[in-house]
Amino acid sequence: MDLKQIESFVRVAELGSFTRAAAALGIPQPLLSRHVRQLEVELRQTFLLRNGRGVTLTEPGLVLLEHGRGILHQVALAREDLEATRGALAGHVSIGLPPSLSKLITVPLTLEFRKRLPKAHLTLTEGFSVVMNEGLRSGRLDMAVLYNTPHSPDIETQVLHSETLVLIASEASVQRRPGLKLQDEMPLSILAQLPLIVPSRPNAFRILIDTELDHLRIKPEIVLEVDGLNAILELVREGLGFAVLPPYTLSSFQRPHTFTTHKLHSPQLECQLMLVTSARRPSTETHKGVQALVGDVVRKAIEAYA
């Protein structure tokens, strides 16, 4: 095995196509096919099955993909550490961001990254917790910003910010319910009286809402499950229900004043925003610098909006 063969296989496996992988690597497709075939002959296994739409992984292929990603990751770390001996932080860093935070921090995070690490390369990925955790496990992500991540020996966490979810309403959602009067602060039990638009499980906000209402023995009226925070807020604006989200999610809208936010108590819905990294992969000086950068940007962005 050599690195070119491993890189060729991993790229084909990830893209699901020899044609797309050859274009991504900038090499002729026959050469790419030869790299993969050499691996299969040497290891006496079939890793990829061709079909009309591309390729699929065999069980041995899935095993090799996991190891191949790890090998390529270790090589990248070695290159970064060697580059750091020259006094410059370089290399590639991939960060996962939740949809609720992505629009708020993508621009300031990118600008600050370029300022502090001009020789490094940044990849930002938006997605939900399940996808982010898989990315950390497989090595596709170096770190991710996640909510309420449970403790595990496989990961390391750093709390960046503690946020309290609020009830979000609109003029239309209130007008459709004559007699409803919302206060600036209300007990959490008020949610039993309101039609809610929420993300589906296993979204961290949804799990938190369900857990606390279950403790109060309250069954919420879920009128819609929508896995898109902007879509949820658009539906609230149209008067179809109410949302329970962090207040900074309104930063995605050009006219956030069309919404009202209401604090909830007894109990409050506390959500911790965490920077999560894999405990099984070594961290370079570049990664450590980016972890500090992400913490600074997240705190400043949220505090500025608040």
C-alpha atoms as a PDB file:
ATOM      1  CA  MET A   1       0.000   0.000   0.000  1.00  0.00           C
ATOM      2  CA  ASP A   2       1.073   3.585  -0.570  1.00  0.00           C
ATOM      3  CA  LEU A   3      -0.545   6.920   0.225  1.00  0.00           C
ATOM      4  CA  LYS A   4      -1.681   7.581  -3.336  1.00  0.00           C
ATOM      5  CA  GLN A   5      -3.542   4.284  -3.448  1.00  0.00           C
ATOM      6  CA  ILE A   6      -5.190   4.963  -0.080  1.00  0.00           C
ATOM      7  CA  GLU A   7      -6.129   8.512  -1.041  1.00  0.00           C
ATOM      8  CA  SER A   8      -7.587   7.285  -4.335  1.00  0.00           C
ATOM      9  CA  PHE A   9      -9.702   4.664  -2.611  1.00  0.00           C
ATOM     10  CA  VAL A  10     -10.961   7.031   0.107  1.00  0.00           C
ATOM     11  CA  ARG A  11     -11.948   9.684  -2.422  1.00  0.00           C
ATOM     12  CA  VAL A  12     -13.817   7.173  -4.622  1.00  0.00           C
ATOM     13  CA  ALA A  13     -15.580   5.754  -1.564  1.00  0.00           C
ATOM     14  CA  GLU A  14     -16.610   9.190  -0.302  1.00  0.00           C
ATOM     15  CA  LEU A  15     -17.762  10.528  -3.669  1.00  0.00           C
ATOM     16  CA  GLY A  16     -19.320   7.265  -4.816  1.00  0.00           C
ATOM     17  CA  SER A  17     -17.876   7.616  -8.302  1.00  0.00           C
ATOM     18  CA  PHE A  18     -14.563   7.032 -10.100  1.00  0.00           C
ATOM     19  CA  THR A  19     -15.334   9.911 -12.452  1.00  0.00           C
ATOM     20  CA  ARG A  20     -15.959  12.447  -9.674  1.00  0.00           C
ATOM     21  CA  ALA A  21     -12.986  11.192  -7.653  1.00  0.00           C
ATOM     22  CA  ALA A  22     -10.628  11.485 -10.633  1.00  0.00           C
ATOM     23  CA  ALA A  23     -11.786  15.064 -11.221  1.00  0.00           C
ATOM     24  CA  ALA A  24     -11.367  15.931  -7.537  1.00  0.00           C
ATOM     25  CA  LEU A  25      -7.848  14.472  -7.406  1.00  0.00           C
ATOM     26  CA  GLY A  26      -6.849  15.830 -10.797  1.00  0.00           C
ATOM     27  CA  ILE A  27      -5.632  12.499 -12.165  1.00  0.00           C
ATOM     28  CA  PRO A  28      -6.764  10.347 -15.139  1.00  0.00           C
ATOM     29  CA  GLN A  29      -9.533   7.891 -14.339  1.00  0.00           C
ATOM     30  CA  PRO A  30      -7.555   4.838 -15.584  1.00  0.00           C
ATOM     31  CA  LEU A  31      -4.767   5.696 -13.122  1.00  0.00           C
ATOM     32  CA  LEU A  32      -7.299   6.071 -10.307  1.00  0.00           C
ATOM     33  CA  SER A  33      -8.854   2.699 -11.146  1.00  0.00           C
ATOM     34  CA  ARG A  34      -5.381   1.127 -11.178  1.00  0.00           C
ATOM     35  CA  HIS A  35      -4.641   2.507  -7.679  1.00  0.00           C
ATOM     36  CA  VAL A  36      -7.806   0.964  -6.282  1.00  0.00           C
ATOM     37  CA  ARG A  37      -7.273  -2.330  -8.102  1.00  0.00           C
ATOM     38  CA  GLN A  38      -3.697  -2.553  -6.759  1.00  0.00           C
ATOM     39  CA  LEU A  39      -5.067  -2.244  -3.229  1.00  0.00           C
ATOM     40  CA  GLU A  40      -7.605  -4.975  -3.830  1.00  0.00           C
ATOM     41  CA  VAL A  41      -4.985  -7.326  -5.308  1.00  0.00           C
ATOM     42  CA  GLU A  42      -2.455  -6.680  -2.543  1.00  0.00           C
ATOM     43  CA  LEU A  43      -4.986  -7.091   0.272  1.00  0.00           C
ATOM     44  CA  ARG A  44      -6.933  -9.863  -1.531  1.00  0.00           C
ATOM     45  CA  GLN A  45     -10.289  -8.193  -0.917  1.00  0.00           C
ATOM     46  CA  THR A  46     -12.981  -6.531  -3.013  1.00  0.00           C
ATOM     47  CA  PHE A  47     -13.634  -3.041  -1.658  1.00  0.00           C
ATOM     48  CA  LEU A  48     -15.932  -1.470  -4.253  1.00  0.00           C
ATOM     49  CA  LEU A  49     -18.829  -2.760  -6.333  1.00  0.00           C
ATOM     50  CA  ARG A  50     -19.591  -0.880  -9.532  1.00  0.00           C
ATOM     51  CA  ASN A  51     -23.193  -0.214 -10.534  1.00  0.00           C
ATOM     52  CA  GLY A  52     -25.002   1.975 -13.028  1.00  0.00           C
ATOM     53  CA  ARG A  53     -24.995   4.955 -10.655  1.00  0.00           C
ATOM     54  CA  GLY A  54     -21.411   4.698  -9.402  1.00  0.00           C
ATOM     55  CA  VAL A  55     -19.934   2.454  -6.719  1.00  0.00           C
ATOM     56  CA  THR A  56     -20.965   0.989  -3.375  1.00  0.00           C
ATOM     57  CA  LEU A  57     -18.733  -0.196  -0.541  1.00  0.00           C
ATOM     58  CA  THR A  58     -18.427  -3.825   0.472  1.00  0.00           C
ATOM     59  CA  GLU A  59     -18.000  -4.723   4.148  1.00  0.00           C
ATOM     60  CA  PRO A  60     -14.180  -4.902   3.772  1.00  0.00           C
ATOM     61  CA  GLY A  61     -14.418  -1.565   1.947  1.00  0.00           C
ATOM     62  CA  LEU A  62     -16.121   0.032   4.935  1.00  0.00           C
ATOM     63  CA  VAL A  63     -13.330  -1.240   7.195  1.00  0.00           C
ATOM     64  CA  LEU A  64     -10.622   0.083   4.878  1.00  0.00           C
ATOM     65  CA  LEU A  65     -12.386   3.443   4.551  1.00  0.00           C
ATOM     66  CA  GLU A  66     -12.271   3.905   8.330  1.00  0.00           C
ATOM     67  CA  HIS A  67      -8.569   3.048   8.469  1.00  0.00           C
ATOM     68  CA  GLY A  68      -7.779   5.002   5.302  1.00  0.00           C
ATOM     69  CA  ARG A  69      -9.287   8.195   6.693  1.00  0.00           C
ATOM     70  CA  GLY A  70      -7.268   7.730   9.866  1.00  0.00           C
ATOM     71  CA  ILE A  71      -4.030   7.197   7.920  1.00  0.00           C
ATOM     72  CA  LEU A  72      -4.570  10.287   5.766  1.00  0.00           C
ATOM     73  CA  HIS A  73      -5.470  12.293   8.860  1.00  0.00           C
ATOM     74  CA  GLN A  74      -2.237  11.250  10.602  1.00  0.00           C
ATOM     75  CA  VAL A  75      -0.191  12.203   7.541  1.00  0.00           C
ATOM     76  CA  ALA A  76      -1.871  15.611   7.458  1.00  0.00           C
ATOM     77  CA  LEU A  77      -1.080  16.106  11.149  1.00  0.00           C
ATOM     78  CA  ALA A  78       2.568  15.223  10.557  1.00  0.00           C
ATOM     79  CA  ARG A  79       2.796  17.786   7.766  1.00  0.00           C
ATOM     80  CA  GLU A  80       1.187  20.438   9.940  1.00  0.00           C
ATOM     81  CA  ASP A  81       3.559  19.768  12.830  1.00  0.00           C
ATOM     82  CA  LEU A  82       6.566  19.945  10.508  1.00  0.00           C
ATOM     83  CA  GLU A  83       5.270  23.207   9.051  1.00  0.00           C
ATOM     84  CA  ALA A  84       4.825  24.561  12.583  1.00  0.00           C
ATOM     85  CA  THR A  85       8.565  24.098  13.207  1.00  0.00           C
ATOM     86  CA  ARG A  86       9.053  26.900  10.689  1.00  0.00           C
ATOM     87  CA  GLY A  87       7.030  29.186  12.938  1.00  0.00           C
ATOM     88  CA  ALA A  88       3.815  29.215  10.918  1.00  0.00           C
ATOM     89  CA  LEU A  89       0.508  27.563  11.745  1.00  0.00           C
ATOM     90  CA  ALA A  90      -0.665  25.810   8.591  1.00  0.00           C
ATOM     91  CA  GLY A  91      -2.611  22.811   7.362  1.00  0.00           C
ATOM     92  CA  HIS A  92      -6.298  22.064   6.939  1.00  0.00           C
ATOM     93  CA  VAL A  93      -8.979  22.448   9.630  1.00  0.00           C
ATOM     94  CA  SER A  94     -12.580  21.274   9.208  1.00  0.00           C
ATOM     95  CA  ILE A  95     -15.264  22.608  11.552  1.00  0.00           C
ATOM     96  CA  GLY A  96     -18.901  21.569  11.894  1.00  0.00           C
ATOM     97  CA  LEU A  97     -21.521  24.175  12.796  1.00  0.00           C
ATOM     98  CA  PRO A  98     -25.181  23.769  13.806  1.00  0.00           C
ATOM     99  CA  PRO A  99     -27.772  25.459  11.551  1.00  0.00           C
ATOM    100  CA  SER A 100     -28.956  27.683  14.425  1.00  0.00           C
ATOM    101  CA  LEU A 101     -25.497  29.238  14.709  1.00  0.00           C
ATOM    102  CA  SER A 102     -24.071  28.948  11.204  1.00  0.00           C
ATOM    103  CA  LYS A 103     -25.392  32.184   9.716  1.00  0.00           C
ATOM    104  CA  LEU A 104     -24.439  34.177  12.795  1.00  0.00           C
ATOM    105  CA  ILE A 105     -20.779  33.168  12.951  1.00  0.00           C
ATOM    106  CA  THR A 106     -19.726  31.924   9.486  1.00  0.00           C
ATOM    107  CA  VAL A 107     -18.512  35.329   8.261  1.00  0.00           C
ATOM    108  CA  PRO A 108     -16.738  36.491  11.457  1.00  0.00           C
ATOM    109  CA  LEU A 109     -15.208  33.041  11.929  1.00  0.00           C
ATOM    110  CA  THR A 110     -13.838  32.990   8.379  1.00  0.00           C
ATOM    111  CA  LEU A 111     -12.455  36.536   8.630  1.00  0.00           C
ATOM    112  CA  GLU A 112     -10.780  35.865  11.974  1.00  0.00           C
ATOM    113  CA  PHE A 113      -9.373  32.552  10.694  1.00  0.00           C
ATOM    114  CA  ARG A 114      -7.750  34.273   7.724  1.00  0.00           C
ATOM    115  CA  LYS A 115      -6.375  36.972   9.998  1.00  0.00           C
ATOM    116  CA  ARG A 116      -4.834  34.646  12.567  1.00  0.00           C
ATOM    117  CA  LEU A 117      -3.891  31.682  10.348  1.00  0.00           C
ATOM    118  CA  PRO A 118      -3.228  33.046   6.846  1.00  0.00           C
ATOM    119  CA  LYS A 119      -1.356  29.882   5.779  1.00  0.00           C
ATOM    120  CA  ALA A 120      -4.033  27.438   6.921  1.00  0.00           C
ATOM    121  CA  HIS A 121      -7.084  26.190   5.017  1.00  0.00           C
ATOM    122  CA  LEU A 122     -10.600  26.172   6.496  1.00  0.00           C
ATOM    123  CA  THR A 123     -13.610  23.996   5.676  1.00  0.00           C
ATOM    124  CA  LEU A 124     -16.973  24.762   7.314  1.00  0.00           C
ATOM    125  CA  THR A 125     -19.797  22.205   7.314  1.00  0.00           C
ATOM    126  CA  GLU A 126     -23.357  22.851   8.477  1.00  0.00           C
ATOM    127  CA  GLY A 127     -25.400  19.997   9.886  1.00  0.00           C
ATOM    128  CA  PHE A 128     -27.257  18.439  12.786  1.00  0.00           C
ATOM    129  CA  SER A 129     -25.664  16.708  15.769  1.00  0.00           C
ATOM    130  CA  VAL A 130     -25.924  13.147  14.417  1.00  0.00           C
ATOM    131  CA  VAL A 131     -24.059  14.109  11.232  1.00  0.00           C
ATOM    132  CA  MET A 132     -21.461  16.099  13.176  1.00  0.00           C
ATOM    133  CA  ASN A 133     -20.732  13.268  15.592  1.00  0.00           C
ATOM    134  CA  GLU A 134     -20.267  10.868  12.687  1.00  0.00           C
ATOM    135  CA  GLY A 135     -17.927  13.393  11.050  1.00  0.00           C
ATOM    136  CA  LEU A 136     -15.814  13.587  14.220  1.00  0.00           C
ATOM    137  CA  ARG A 137     -15.721   9.804  14.511  1.00  0.00           C
ATOM    138  CA  SER A 138     -14.704   9.263  10.894  1.00  0.00           C
ATOM    139  CA  GLY A 139     -12.158  12.091  10.825  1.00  0.00           C
ATOM    140  CA  ARG A 140     -14.009  14.225   8.276  1.00  0.00           C
ATOM    141  CA  LEU A 141     -14.311  16.909  10.963  1.00  0.00           C
ATOM    142  CA  ASP A 142     -11.581  18.087  13.301  1.00  0.00           C
ATOM    143  CA  MET A 143     -14.034  19.810  15.625  1.00  0.00           C
ATOM    144  CA  ALA A 144     -17.695  20.762  15.839  1.00  0.00           C
ATOM    145  CA  VAL A 145     -19.873  23.211  17.752  1.00  0.00           C
ATOM    146  CA  LEU A 146     -22.749  21.236  19.274  1.00  0.00           C
ATOM    147  CA  TYR A 147     -25.471  21.608  21.890  1.00  0.00           C
ATOM    148  CA  ASN A 148     -25.671  19.546  25.081  1.00  0.00           C
ATOM    149  CA  THR A 149     -23.252  16.849  23.960  1.00  0.00           C
ATOM    150  CA  PRO A 150     -23.271  13.962  26.465  1.00  0.00           C
ATOM    151  CA  HIS A 151     -19.975  12.927  28.023  1.00  0.00           C
ATOM    152  CA  SER A 152     -18.121  10.130  26.253  1.00  0.00           C
ATOM    153  CA  PRO A 153     -14.563   8.713  26.383  1.00  0.00           C
ATOM    154  CA  ASP A 154     -14.364   9.250  22.612  1.00  0.00           C
ATOM    155  CA  ILE A 155     -14.708  13.039  22.719  1.00  0.00           C
ATOM    156  CA  GLU A 156     -13.440  16.087  24.555  1.00  0.00           C
ATOM    157  CA  THR A 157     -15.765  19.025  25.192  1.00  0.00           C
ATOM    158  CA  GLN A 158     -15.328  22.674  26.081  1.00  0.00           C
ATOM    159  CA  VAL A 159     -18.343  24.781  27.064  1.00  0.00           C
ATOM    160  CA  LEU A 160     -18.390  27.948  24.955  1.00  0.00           C
ATOM    161  CA  HIS A 161     -21.679  29.486  26.057  1.00  0.00           C
ATOM    162  CA  SER A 162     -24.751  28.703  28.141  1.00  0.00           C
ATOM    163  CA  GLU A 163     -27.979  29.781  26.471  1.00  0.00           C
ATOM    164  CA  THR A 164     -31.559  29.895  27.718  1.00  0.00           C
ATOM    165  CA  LEU A 165     -34.247  29.032  25.178  1.00  0.00           C
ATOM    166  CA  VAL A 166     -37.140  31.478  24.860  1.00  0.00           C
ATOM    167  CA  LEU A 167     -40.660  31.374  23.503  1.00  0.00           C
ATOM    168  CA  ILE A 168     -40.791  33.067  20.098  1.00  0.00           C
ATOM    169  CA  ALA A 169     -44.098  34.482  18.867  1.00  0.00           C
ATOM    170  CA  SER A 170     -45.285  36.754  16.082  1.00  0.00           C
ATOM    171  CA  GLU A 171     -48.145  39.195  15.792  1.00  0.00           C
ATOM    172  CA  ALA A 172     -49.965  36.755  13.509  1.00  0.00           C
ATOM    173  CA  SER A 173     -49.548  33.793  15.867  1.00  0.00           C
ATOM    174  CA  VAL A 174     -50.992  35.802  18.774  1.00  0.00           C
ATOM    175  CA  GLN A 175     -53.854  37.307  16.746  1.00  0.00           C
ATOM    176  CA  ARG A 176     -55.029  33.825  15.694  1.00  0.00           C
ATOM    177  CA  ARG A 177     -55.642  33.006  19.362  1.00  0.00           C
ATOM    178  CA  PRO A 178     -58.107  35.544  20.805  1.00  0.00           C
ATOM    179  CA  GLY A 179     -57.709  36.057  24.514  1.00  0.00           C
ATOM    180  CA  LEU A 180     -54.084  34.887  24.602  1.00  0.00           C
ATOM    181  CA  LYS A 181     -51.889  37.308  26.536  1.00  0.00           C
ATOM    182  CA  LEU A 182     -48.168  36.699  26.581  1.00  0.00           C
ATOM    183  CA  GLN A 183     -46.005  38.222  29.301  1.00  0.00           C
ATOM    184  CA  ASP A 184     -42.300  39.076  29.154  1.00  0.00           C
ATOM    185  CA  GLU A 185     -41.670  36.190  31.565  1.00  0.00           C
ATOM    186  CA  MET A 186     -43.889  33.120  31.964  1.00  0.00           C
ATOM    187  CA  PRO A 187     -43.690  29.655  33.537  1.00  0.00           C
ATOM    188  CA  LEU A 188     -42.676  26.812  31.260  1.00  0.00           C
ATOM    189  CA  SER A 189     -46.125  25.277  31.756  1.00  0.00           C
ATOM    190  CA  ILE A 190     -47.518  27.949  29.378  1.00  0.00           C
ATOM    191  CA  LEU A 191     -46.310  25.721  26.535  1.00  0.00           C
ATOM    192  CA  ALA A 192     -49.174  23.336  27.276  1.00  0.00           C
ATOM    193  CA  GLN A 193     -51.560  26.030  26.002  1.00  0.00           C
ATOM    194  CA  LEU A 194     -49.731  26.813  22.757  1.00  0.00           C
ATOM    195  CA  PRO A 195     -49.384  25.056  19.388  1.00  0.00           C
ATOM    196  CA  LEU A 196     -45.660  24.466  18.958  1.00  0.00           C
ATOM    197  CA  ILE A 197     -43.521  24.187  15.838  1.00  0.00           C
ATOM    198  CA  VAL A 198     -40.385  22.261  16.777  1.00  0.00           C
ATOM    199  CA  PRO A 199     -37.518  20.296  15.212  1.00  0.00           C
ATOM    200  CA  SER A 200     -37.811  16.513  15.200  1.00  0.00           C
ATOM    201  CA  ARG A 201     -35.761  14.319  17.510  1.00  0.00           C
ATOM    202  CA  PRO A 202     -32.820  13.911  18.040  1.00  0.00           C
ATOM    203  CA  ASN A 203     -32.432  17.699  17.765  1.00  0.00           C
ATOM    204  CA  ALA A 204     -30.909  18.981  21.038  1.00  0.00           C
ATOM    205  CA  PHE A 205     -33.555  21.708  21.486  1.00  0.00           C
ATOM    206  CA  ARG A 206     -36.380  19.209  20.976  1.00  0.00           C
ATOM    207  CA  ILE A 207     -34.911  16.731  23.446  1.00  0.00           C
ATOM    208  CA  LEU A 208     -34.484  19.488  26.042  1.00  0.00           C
ATOM    209  CA  ILE A 209     -38.082  20.710  25.598  1.00  0.00           C
ATOM    210  CA  ASP A 210     -39.528  17.184  25.754  1.00  0.00           C
ATOM    211  CA  THR A 211     -37.467  16.256  28.808  1.00  0.00           C
ATOM    212  CA  GLU A 212     -38.412  19.291  30.896  1.00  0.00           C
ATOM    213  CA  LEU A 213     -42.098  19.141  29.964  1.00  0.00           C
ATOM    214  CA  ASP A 214     -42.128  15.437  30.776  1.00  0.00           C
ATOM    215  CA  HIS A 215     -40.787  16.259  34.242  1.00  0.00           C
ATOM    216  CA  LEU A 216     -43.765  18.603  34.659  1.00  0.00           C
ATOM    217  CA  ARG A 217     -46.063  15.861  33.304  1.00  0.00           C
ATOM    218  CA  ILE A 218     -47.133  18.152  30.494  1.00  0.00           C
ATOM    219  CA  LYS A 219     -47.814  16.882  26.991  1.00  0.00           C
ATOM    220  CA  PRO A 220     -47.137  19.686  24.487  1.00  0.00           C
ATOM    221  CA  GLU A 221     -49.294  20.313  21.440  1.00  0.00           C
ATOM    222  CA  ILE A 222     -46.859  19.731  18.576  1.00  0.00           C
ATOM    223  CA  VAL A 223     -48.571  20.973  15.408  1.00  0.00           C
ATOM    224  CA  LEU A 224     -45.540  20.742  13.118  1.00  0.00           C
ATOM    225  CA  GLU A 225     -42.111  19.119  13.166  1.00  0.00           C
ATOM    226  CA  VAL A 226     -39.698  20.987  10.899  1.00  0.00           C
ATOM    227  CA  ASP A 227     -35.966  20.296  10.618  1.00  0.00           C
ATOM    228  CA  GLY A 228     -34.942  23.794   9.608  1.00  0.00           C
ATOM    229  CA  LEU A 229     -34.821  26.680  12.054  1.00  0.00           C
ATOM    230  CA  ASN A 230     -35.395  29.356   9.428  1.00  0.00           C
ATOM    231  CA  ALA A 231     -38.396  27.403   8.177  1.00  0.00           C
ATOM    232  CA  ILE A 232     -39.740  27.151  11.729  1.00  0.00           C
ATOM    233  CA  LEU A 233     -39.469  30.902  12.189  1.00  0.00           C
ATOM    234  CA  GLU A 234     -41.122  31.582   8.829  1.00  0.00           C
ATOM    235  CA  LEU A 235     -44.070  29.440   9.909  1.00  0.00           C
ATOM    236  CA  VAL A 236     -44.255  31.296  13.220  1.00  0.00           C
ATOM    237  CA  ARG A 237     -44.253  34.590  11.307  1.00  0.00           C
ATOM    238  CA  GLU A 238     -47.235  33.306   9.303  1.00  0.00           C
ATOM    239  CA  GLY A 239     -49.086  32.599  12.535  1.00  0.00           C
ATOM    240  CA  LEU A 240     -49.099  28.793  12.368  1.00  0.00           C
ATOM    241  CA  GLY A 241     -47.669  28.355  15.845  1.00  0.00           C
ATOM    242  CA  PHE A 242     -44.918  29.259  18.313  1.00  0.00           C
ATOM    243  CA  ALA A 243     -41.260  28.258  18.592  1.00  0.00           C
ATOM    244  CA  VAL A 244     -38.890  27.614  21.495  1.00  0.00           C
ATOM    245  CA  LEU A 245     -35.354  28.467  20.409  1.00  0.00           C
ATOM    246  CA  PRO A 246     -32.299  30.524  21.399  1.00  0.00           C
ATOM    247  CA  PRO A 247     -32.965  34.235  20.818  1.00  0.00           C
ATOM    248  CA  TYR A 248     -29.951  34.600  18.496  1.00  0.00           C
ATOM    249  CA  THR A 249     -31.646  32.378  15.903  1.00  0.00           C
ATOM    250  CA  LEU A 250     -33.586  35.515  14.937  1.00  0.00           C
ATOM    251  CA  SER A 251     -30.339  36.964  13.561  1.00  0.00           C
ATOM    252  CA  SER A 252     -31.088  35.014  10.360  1.00  0.00           C
ATOM    253  CA  PHE A 253     -33.985  37.356   9.554  1.00  0.00           C
ATOM    254  CA  GLN A 254     -33.819  40.829   8.060  1.00  0.00           C
ATOM    255  CA  ARG A 255     -36.784  41.941  10.179  1.00  0.00           C
ATOM    256  CA  PRO A 256     -36.385  40.264  13.582  1.00  0.00           C
ATOM    257  CA  HIS A 257     -38.577  42.970  15.122  1.00  0.00           C
ATOM    258  CA  THR A 258     -41.622  41.201  13.644  1.00  0.00           C
ATOM    259  CA  PHE A 259     -41.132  38.582  16.375  1.00  0.00           C
ATOM    260  CA  THR A 260     -41.410  38.839  20.150  1.00  0.00           C
ATOM    261  CA  THR A 261     -39.405  36.784  22.639  1.00  0.00           C
ATOM    262  CA  HIS A 262     -40.620  35.719  26.068  1.00  0.00           C
ATOM    263  CA  LYS A 263     -38.500  34.276  28.877  1.00  0.00           C
ATOM    264  CA  LEU A 264     -39.524  30.948  30.355  1.00  0.00           C
ATOM    265  CA  HIS A 265     -38.948  29.867  33.938  1.00  0.00           C
ATOM    266  CA  SER A 266     -39.801  27.160  36.481  1.00  0.00           C
ATOM    267  CA  PRO A 267     -37.664  25.684  35.085  1.00  0.00           C
ATOM    268  CA  GLN A 268     -35.595  27.514  32.504  1.00  0.00           C
ATOM    269  CA  LEU A 269     -34.513  25.631  29.400  1.00  0.00           C
ATOM    270  CA  GLU A 270     -30.729  25.791  29.705  1.00  0.00           C
ATOM    271  CA  CYS A 271     -28.702  24.742  26.677  1.00  0.00           C
ATOM    272  CA  GLN A 272     -24.906  24.481  26.612  1.00  0.00           C
ATOM    273  CA  LEU A 273     -23.050  25.281  23.417  1.00  0.00           C
ATOM    274  CA  MET A 274     -19.894  23.153  23.292  1.00  0.00           C
ATOM    275  CA  LEU A 275     -16.788  22.830  21.173  1.00  0.00           C
ATOM    276  CA  VAL A 276     -16.348  19.089  20.617  1.00  0.00           C
ATOM    277  CA  THR A 277     -13.200  17.319  19.408  1.00  0.00           C
ATOM    278  CA  SER A 278     -12.240  13.665  19.070  1.00  0.00           C
ATOM    279  CA  ALA A 279     -10.286  12.300  22.032  1.00  0.00           C
ATOM    280  CA  ARG A 280      -8.815   9.584  19.807  1.00  0.00           C
ATOM    281  CA  ARG A 281      -7.011  11.882  17.393  1.00  0.00           C
ATOM    282  CA  PRO A 282      -3.959  13.992  18.258  1.00  0.00           C
ATOM    283  CA  SER A 283      -4.353  17.757  18.092  1.00  0.00           C
ATOM    284  CA  THR A 284      -1.805  19.942  16.298  1.00  0.00           C
ATOM    285  CA  GLU A 285      -0.795  23.454  17.267  1.00  0.00           C
ATOM    286  CA  THR A 286      -2.964  24.647  14.383  1.00  0.00           C
ATOM    287  CA  HIS A 287      -5.979  22.846  15.831  1.00  0.00           C
ATOM    288  CA  LYS A 288      -5.316  24.291  19.276  1.00  0.00           C
ATOM    289  CA  GLY A 289      -5.113  27.779  17.802  1.00  0.00           C
ATOM    290  CA  VAL A 290      -8.388  27.267  15.942  1.00  0.00           C
ATOM    291  CA  GLN A 291     -10.134  25.973  19.077  1.00  0.00           C
ATOM    292  CA  ALA A 292      -9.281  29.219  20.867  1.00  0.00           C
ATOM    293  CA  LEU A 293     -10.367  31.213  17.815  1.00  0.00           C
ATOM    294  CA  VAL A 294     -13.754  29.457  17.620  1.00  0.00           C
ATOM    295  CA  GLY A 295     -14.382  30.120  21.296  1.00  0.00           C
ATOM    296  CA  ASP A 296     -13.632  33.817  20.900  1.00  0.00           C
ATOM    297  CA  VAL A 297     -15.785  34.239  17.797  1.00  0.00           C
ATOM    298  CA  VAL A 298     -18.787  32.339  19.195  1.00  0.00           C
ATOM    299  CA  ARG A 299     -18.829  34.296  22.450  1.00  0.00           C
ATOM    300  CA  LYS A 300     -18.446  37.665  20.759  1.00  0.00           C
ATOM    301  CA  ALA A 301     -21.113  36.933  18.130  1.00  0.00           C
ATOM    302  CA  ILE A 302     -23.707  35.766  20.650  1.00  0.00           C
ATOM    303  CA  GLU A 303     -22.963  38.552  23.132  1.00  0.00           C
ATOM    304  CA  ALA A 304     -23.129  41.163  20.386  1.00  0.00           C
ATOM    305  CA  TYR A 305     -26.540  39.931  19.260  1.00  0.00           C
ATOM    306  CA  ALA A 306     -27.823  39.763  22.812  1.00  0.00           C
END
